[in-house]
Amino acid sequence: MGFCTSCGAALTDGTRFCASCGKPAAGGGLSSYSAVPLEPLDYAIQGDNLQVARVRLKPGQEIYAEAGKMVYKTPNVAWETRMSGVTLGEKLWGALKRTVTGESLFLTYFRSTGNGEVGFAGNYPGRIQAFSLTAGQSVMAQRHAFLFAQTTVQLNVAFAKKLGAGLLAGEGFILEKLTGPGQVFIHGGGDFVEFELQAGEGLHVDTGCIVAFDESVDYDIQYVGGIKTALFGGEGLFLATLTGPGKVIVQSMTLDKLRRELIPMRTGGDERSGPLGAIGGIFDSDD
């Protein structure tokens, strides 16, 4: 049994067209389909808060990564930077979506001609999380979280359900949607805390502290408390509300927090220096 890497639906042997999306399967002229069972990656994640993912590629195995995330590779691993997608339209649409998420227009593809190795790491102190996704299974991740994945994994854009609140919340407005089959790796700041939410169980999280969550988790952005709490509590006006069932991963350090701590002559306070800083944070969408 194979699978359609366009929509993730399972394909039985001899299938010429995907029953879910209707596009040709293997042999139909589109290289985005495969009738070969997917082989898992041989990898290891090393380090503590400056982790490196070491991927040992077998002959013919291919992965793709966010531009600038490679640390090293062996000489027999060829690399090529290109837009994702098969047709020109898919490439242009993919480039547009990546522009929205604040990522580079191109992805880097790595393919081994023998037994090779590639290493990847994030751009700031944090941890790496691996997901093994089945066909059609998706995980939602924060912007800039994507590190690398098998070429069968689709990288798309997802938005907050409430457009107005999402625009004001900034950090939690745009998400990355990663759909299997295949293995995908993401990076977040500081240490990770994992929650396994039961059906109906909720969790309130600072919008910038979300690393990833299952697609089954209901995600929304809401006003919290009163204006006094929001302005003088140093936490901003919005929190992300996550409702189970499903897995949620939260990070202890955001890129925005790290930037503020590195600013010279900082006036103090964990999140923002005062009411004006809290108001200004509404429109800050760097994360």
Protein backbone atom coordinates (compact mmCIF):
# COMPACT_ATOMS: atom_id res chain seq x y z
CA MET A 1 0.00 0.00 0.00
CA GLY A 2 1.22 3.49 -0.90
CA PHE A 3 -0.13 6.97 -0.24
CA CYS A 4 -0.95 10.27 -1.90
CA THR A 5 1.45 12.96 -0.72
CA SER A 6 -0.88 15.66 -1.97
CA CYS A 7 -3.75 14.89 0.41
CA GLY A 8 -2.27 12.03 2.47
CA ALA A 9 -4.91 9.45 1.57
CA ALA A 10 -3.94 5.76 1.43
CA LEU A 11 -3.57 4.19 -2.03
CA THR A 12 -4.10 0.49 -2.68
CA ASP A 13 -1.77 -1.37 -5.03
CA GLY A 14 -2.57 -0.72 -8.67
CA THR A 15 -4.52 2.48 -7.99
CA ARG A 16 -4.20 5.00 -10.82
CA PHE A 17 -6.04 7.89 -9.17
CA CYS A 18 -6.39 9.08 -5.59
CA ALA A 19 -9.96 8.45 -4.38
CA SER A 20 -9.75 11.48 -2.08
CA CYS A 21 -8.44 14.28 -4.33
CA GLY A 22 -8.70 12.63 -7.76
CA LYS A 23 -5.15 13.27 -8.91
CA PRO A 24 -3.03 10.60 -10.68
CA ALA A 25 -1.12 8.15 -8.50
CA ALA A 26 2.32 6.67 -9.22
CA GLY A 27 2.86 6.39 -12.97
CA GLY A 28 0.34 9.15 -13.65
CA GLY A 29 2.96 11.76 -14.38
CA LEU A 30 3.18 13.43 -10.97
CA SER A 31 6.25 12.80 -8.85
CA SER A 32 4.37 13.86 -5.72
CA TYR A 33 2.84 10.37 -5.47
CA SER A 34 4.50 7.23 -4.21
CA ALA A 35 3.49 3.58 -4.12
CA VAL A 36 6.60 2.62 -2.13
CA PRO A 37 6.21 2.22 1.66
CA LEU A 38 7.87 5.12 3.47
CA GLU A 39 11.11 4.22 5.22
CA PRO A 40 11.69 6.02 8.55
CA LEU A 41 14.74 8.20 9.05
CA ASP A 42 17.72 7.07 11.09
CA TYR A 43 18.36 10.03 13.38
CA ALA A 44 19.60 11.12 16.81
CA ILE A 45 19.02 14.37 18.72
CA GLN A 46 22.06 15.40 20.74
CA GLY A 47 22.65 18.18 23.25
CA ASP A 48 20.60 19.93 25.90
CA ASN A 49 19.46 23.49 25.10
CA LEU A 50 21.58 23.84 21.96
CA GLN A 51 20.45 20.64 20.31
CA VAL A 52 21.53 19.23 16.97
CA ALA A 53 19.55 16.66 14.98
CA ARG A 54 21.87 14.19 13.23
CA VAL A 55 20.23 12.42 10.29
CA ARG A 56 21.93 9.41 8.69
CA LEU A 57 20.62 9.14 5.13
CA LYS A 58 20.61 5.94 3.12
CA PRO A 59 21.25 5.91 -0.64
CA GLY A 60 18.41 7.72 -2.40
CA GLN A 61 16.78 9.12 0.75
CA GLU A 62 15.78 12.78 0.51
CA ILE A 63 14.73 15.39 3.06
CA TYR A 64 14.07 19.12 2.90
CA ALA A 65 14.85 21.83 5.42
CA GLU A 66 14.32 25.46 6.20
CA ALA A 67 17.04 27.58 4.57
CA GLY A 68 19.97 28.24 6.88
CA LYS A 69 19.24 25.44 9.38
CA MET A 70 21.94 23.00 8.19
CA VAL A 71 25.00 22.71 10.45
CA TYR A 72 27.05 20.15 8.48
CA LYS A 73 26.81 17.41 5.86
CA THR A 74 29.04 14.69 4.46
CA PRO A 75 30.37 15.16 0.89
CA ASN A 76 28.17 12.42 -0.60
CA VAL A 77 25.01 14.31 0.36
CA ALA A 78 23.95 16.58 -2.51
CA TRP A 79 21.94 19.68 -1.75
CA GLU A 80 19.78 21.96 -3.86
CA THR A 81 17.78 25.05 -2.99
CA ARG A 82 14.46 25.34 -4.77
CA MET A 83 10.81 26.23 -4.37
CA SER A 84 8.49 23.47 -3.23
CA GLY A 85 5.85 22.09 -5.58
CA VAL A 86 5.73 20.32 -8.94
CA THR A 87 4.04 22.84 -11.24
CA LEU A 88 4.82 26.54 -11.59
CA GLY A 89 1.51 27.40 -9.95
CA GLU A 90 2.28 25.19 -6.93
CA LYS A 91 5.71 26.78 -6.59
CA LEU A 92 4.36 30.34 -6.72
CA TRP A 93 1.55 29.52 -4.29
CA GLY A 94 4.02 27.86 -1.94
CA ALA A 95 6.30 30.90 -2.10
CA LEU A 96 3.37 33.19 -1.27
CA LYS A 97 2.41 31.09 1.76
CA ARG A 98 5.99 31.06 3.01
CA THR A 99 6.14 34.85 2.67
CA VAL A 100 3.07 35.10 4.92
CA THR A 101 4.77 33.00 7.60
CA GLY A 102 7.90 35.17 7.45
CA GLU A 103 10.08 32.33 6.12
CA SER A 104 12.41 32.42 3.11
CA LEU A 105 10.97 31.74 -0.34
CA PHE A 106 13.13 28.66 -0.85
CA LEU A 107 13.68 25.31 0.84
CA THR A 108 16.88 23.28 0.75
CA TYR A 109 16.66 19.64 -0.36
CA PHE A 110 19.24 17.04 0.68
CA ARG A 111 19.67 13.73 -1.16
CA SER A 112 22.31 11.12 -0.40
CA THR A 113 24.12 9.16 -3.11
CA GLY A 114 25.50 6.77 -0.49
CA ASN A 115 25.39 6.44 3.28
CA GLY A 116 25.62 10.10 4.36
CA GLU A 117 24.81 12.36 7.27
CA VAL A 118 23.35 15.84 7.72
CA GLY A 119 23.05 17.90 10.90
CA PHE A 120 20.42 20.56 11.65
CA ALA A 121 19.92 23.04 14.50
CA GLY A 122 17.73 26.03 15.38
CA ASN A 123 18.86 29.65 15.30
CA TYR A 124 18.59 30.25 19.06
CA PRO A 125 18.84 28.18 22.28
CA GLY A 126 16.09 25.60 22.51
CA ARG A 127 15.05 22.04 21.83
CA ILE A 128 14.13 19.88 18.84
CA GLN A 129 10.96 17.80 18.70
CA ALA A 130 10.34 14.98 16.21
CA PHE A 131 6.92 13.82 14.98
CA SER A 132 6.13 10.64 13.05
CA LEU A 133 2.97 11.44 11.11
CA THR A 134 0.74 8.90 9.42
CA ALA A 135 -0.94 9.58 6.06
CA GLY A 136 -3.24 12.57 6.47
CA GLN A 137 -2.24 13.23 10.10
CA SER A 138 -1.37 16.87 10.85
CA VAL A 139 0.37 18.81 13.59
CA MET A 140 0.15 22.58 14.09
CA ALA A 141 3.32 24.50 14.97
CA GLN A 142 4.29 28.08 15.67
CA ARG A 143 5.83 30.24 12.97
CA HIS A 144 9.56 29.65 12.40
CA ALA A 145 9.31 26.27 14.16
CA PHE A 146 9.84 24.08 11.09
CA LEU A 147 13.34 22.60 10.89
CA PHE A 148 13.31 19.72 8.37
CA ALA A 149 11.19 16.80 7.20
CA GLN A 150 10.90 13.96 4.76
CA THR A 151 9.78 15.14 1.34
CA THR A 152 6.41 13.40 1.76
CA VAL A 153 5.46 15.86 4.52
CA GLN A 154 3.49 18.92 3.40
CA LEU A 155 4.23 22.36 4.89
CA ASN A 156 1.22 24.70 4.81
CA VAL A 157 -0.14 27.81 6.54
CA ALA A 158 -2.99 27.94 9.06
CA PHE A 159 -4.64 30.98 10.62
CA ALA A 160 -6.35 31.74 13.91
CA LYS A 161 -10.10 31.10 13.74
CA LYS A 162 -11.03 34.61 14.84
CA LEU A 163 -9.36 36.97 12.38
CA GLY A 164 -9.74 40.14 14.47
CA ALA A 165 -8.33 38.66 17.67
CA GLY A 166 -5.64 36.86 15.71
CA LEU A 167 -4.42 40.05 14.06
CA LEU A 168 -4.20 41.81 17.41
CA ALA A 169 -2.52 38.87 19.13
CA GLY A 170 0.25 38.86 16.52
CA GLU A 171 2.33 35.92 17.72
CA GLY A 172 -0.49 33.40 17.60
CA PHE A 173 -2.15 34.56 14.39
CA ILE A 174 -0.23 32.50 11.84
CA LEU A 175 0.63 28.84 12.35
CA GLU A 176 2.41 26.19 10.31
CA LYS A 177 0.46 23.05 9.42
CA LEU A 178 2.57 19.93 8.82
CA THR A 179 0.78 16.97 7.24
CA GLY A 180 2.04 13.40 6.87
CA PRO A 181 2.94 10.80 5.98
CA GLY A 182 6.51 11.09 7.17
CA GLN A 183 8.75 12.41 9.91
CA VAL A 184 9.05 16.11 10.65
CA PHE A 185 11.26 18.02 13.09
CA ILE A 186 10.56 21.39 14.70
CA HIS A 187 12.54 23.71 16.98
CA GLY A 188 11.40 25.82 19.94
CA GLY A 189 12.99 28.00 22.62
CA GLY A 190 14.19 26.99 26.08
CA ASP A 191 12.71 23.79 27.51
CA PHE A 192 9.47 22.05 26.57
CA VAL A 193 6.45 21.16 28.71
CA GLU A 194 4.03 18.59 27.26
CA PHE A 195 0.32 18.28 28.05
CA GLU A 196 -2.00 15.45 27.00
CA LEU A 197 -5.41 17.10 27.08
CA GLN A 198 -8.52 14.99 27.46
CA ALA A 199 -11.73 15.75 25.56
CA GLY A 200 -13.08 19.10 26.80
CA GLU A 201 -10.01 19.81 28.96
CA GLY A 202 -8.63 23.32 28.42
CA LEU A 203 -5.34 25.19 28.75
CA HIS A 204 -4.54 28.92 28.56
CA VAL A 205 -1.13 29.72 27.08
CA ASP A 206 0.73 32.90 26.17
CA THR A 207 0.37 33.05 22.39
CA GLY A 208 4.13 33.13 21.86
CA CYS A 209 4.78 30.12 24.11
CA ILE A 210 2.97 27.55 21.95
CA VAL A 211 5.36 25.22 20.14
CA ALA A 212 2.97 22.69 18.61
CA PHE A 213 -0.31 20.84 19.12
CA ASP A 214 -2.32 18.07 17.48
CA GLU A 215 -4.85 19.06 14.83
CA SER A 216 -7.54 17.54 17.05
CA VAL A 217 -6.93 20.29 19.63
CA ASP A 218 -9.30 23.26 19.30
CA TYR A 219 -7.31 26.50 19.06
CA ASP A 220 -8.56 30.02 19.62
CA ILE A 221 -7.29 33.42 20.78
CA GLN A 222 -9.28 35.26 23.44
CA TYR A 223 -9.21 38.42 25.50
CA VAL A 224 -8.17 37.68 29.09
CA GLY A 225 -9.12 39.30 32.37
CA GLY A 226 -9.69 43.04 32.45
CA ILE A 227 -7.77 45.92 30.92
CA LYS A 228 -6.06 46.60 34.26
CA THR A 229 -4.70 43.04 34.45
CA ALA A 230 -3.63 43.11 30.83
CA LEU A 231 -1.84 46.48 31.02
CA PHE A 232 -0.16 46.13 34.41
CA GLY A 233 0.21 42.35 34.68
CA GLY A 234 2.83 42.28 31.95
CA GLU A 235 1.18 39.42 30.03
CA GLY A 236 -0.57 41.30 27.22
CA LEU A 237 -4.25 41.37 26.26
CA PHE A 238 -4.60 37.91 24.71
CA LEU A 239 -4.06 34.28 25.56
CA ALA A 240 -4.38 31.20 23.38
CA THR A 241 -7.10 28.81 24.51
CA LEU A 242 -6.39 25.16 23.71
CA THR A 243 -9.09 22.54 24.25
CA GLY A 244 -8.54 18.78 24.01
CA PRO A 245 -8.39 16.07 23.05
CA GLY A 246 -4.79 16.00 21.92
CA LYS A 247 -1.19 16.77 22.71
CA VAL A 248 0.12 20.30 23.37
CA ILE A 249 3.78 21.35 23.63
CA VAL A 250 4.68 24.65 25.35
CA GLN A 251 8.09 26.37 25.33
CA SER A 252 9.67 28.22 28.25
CA MET A 253 11.50 30.83 26.15
CA THR A 254 10.19 32.71 23.12
CA LEU A 255 12.30 34.49 20.54
CA ASP A 256 10.58 37.75 21.45
CA LYS A 257 11.52 37.35 25.13
CA LEU A 258 15.13 36.62 24.19
CA ARG A 259 15.29 39.74 22.05
CA ARG A 260 13.96 41.93 24.88
CA GLU A 261 16.46 40.50 27.35
CA LEU A 262 19.33 41.30 24.99
CA ILE A 263 18.30 44.95 24.52
CA PRO A 264 20.82 47.22 26.34
CA MET A 265 19.59 49.62 29.03
CA ARG A 266 16.53 47.46 29.61
CA THR A 267 14.21 48.99 32.24
CA GLY A 268 13.13 45.71 33.84
CA GLY A 269 10.04 43.54 34.03
CA ASP A 270 9.57 40.13 32.55
CA GLU A 271 7.34 40.85 29.60
CA ARG A 272 6.95 44.59 29.07
CA SER A 273 8.26 47.69 30.84
CA GLY A 274 4.84 49.20 31.54
CA PRO A 275 1.37 49.93 30.25
CA LEU A 276 2.61 51.50 27.03
CA GLY A 277 4.84 48.51 26.43
CA ALA A 278 1.89 46.19 26.90
CA ILE A 279 -0.18 48.19 24.42
CA GLY A 280 2.69 48.22 21.96
CA GLY A 281 3.00 44.44 22.31
CA ILE A 282 -0.46 44.05 20.80
CA PHE A 283 0.93 44.94 17.40
CA ASP A 284 4.19 43.02 17.78
CA SER A 285 4.12 39.97 15.50
CA ASP A 286 7.83 39.18 15.24
CA ASP A 287 7.27 35.70 16.67
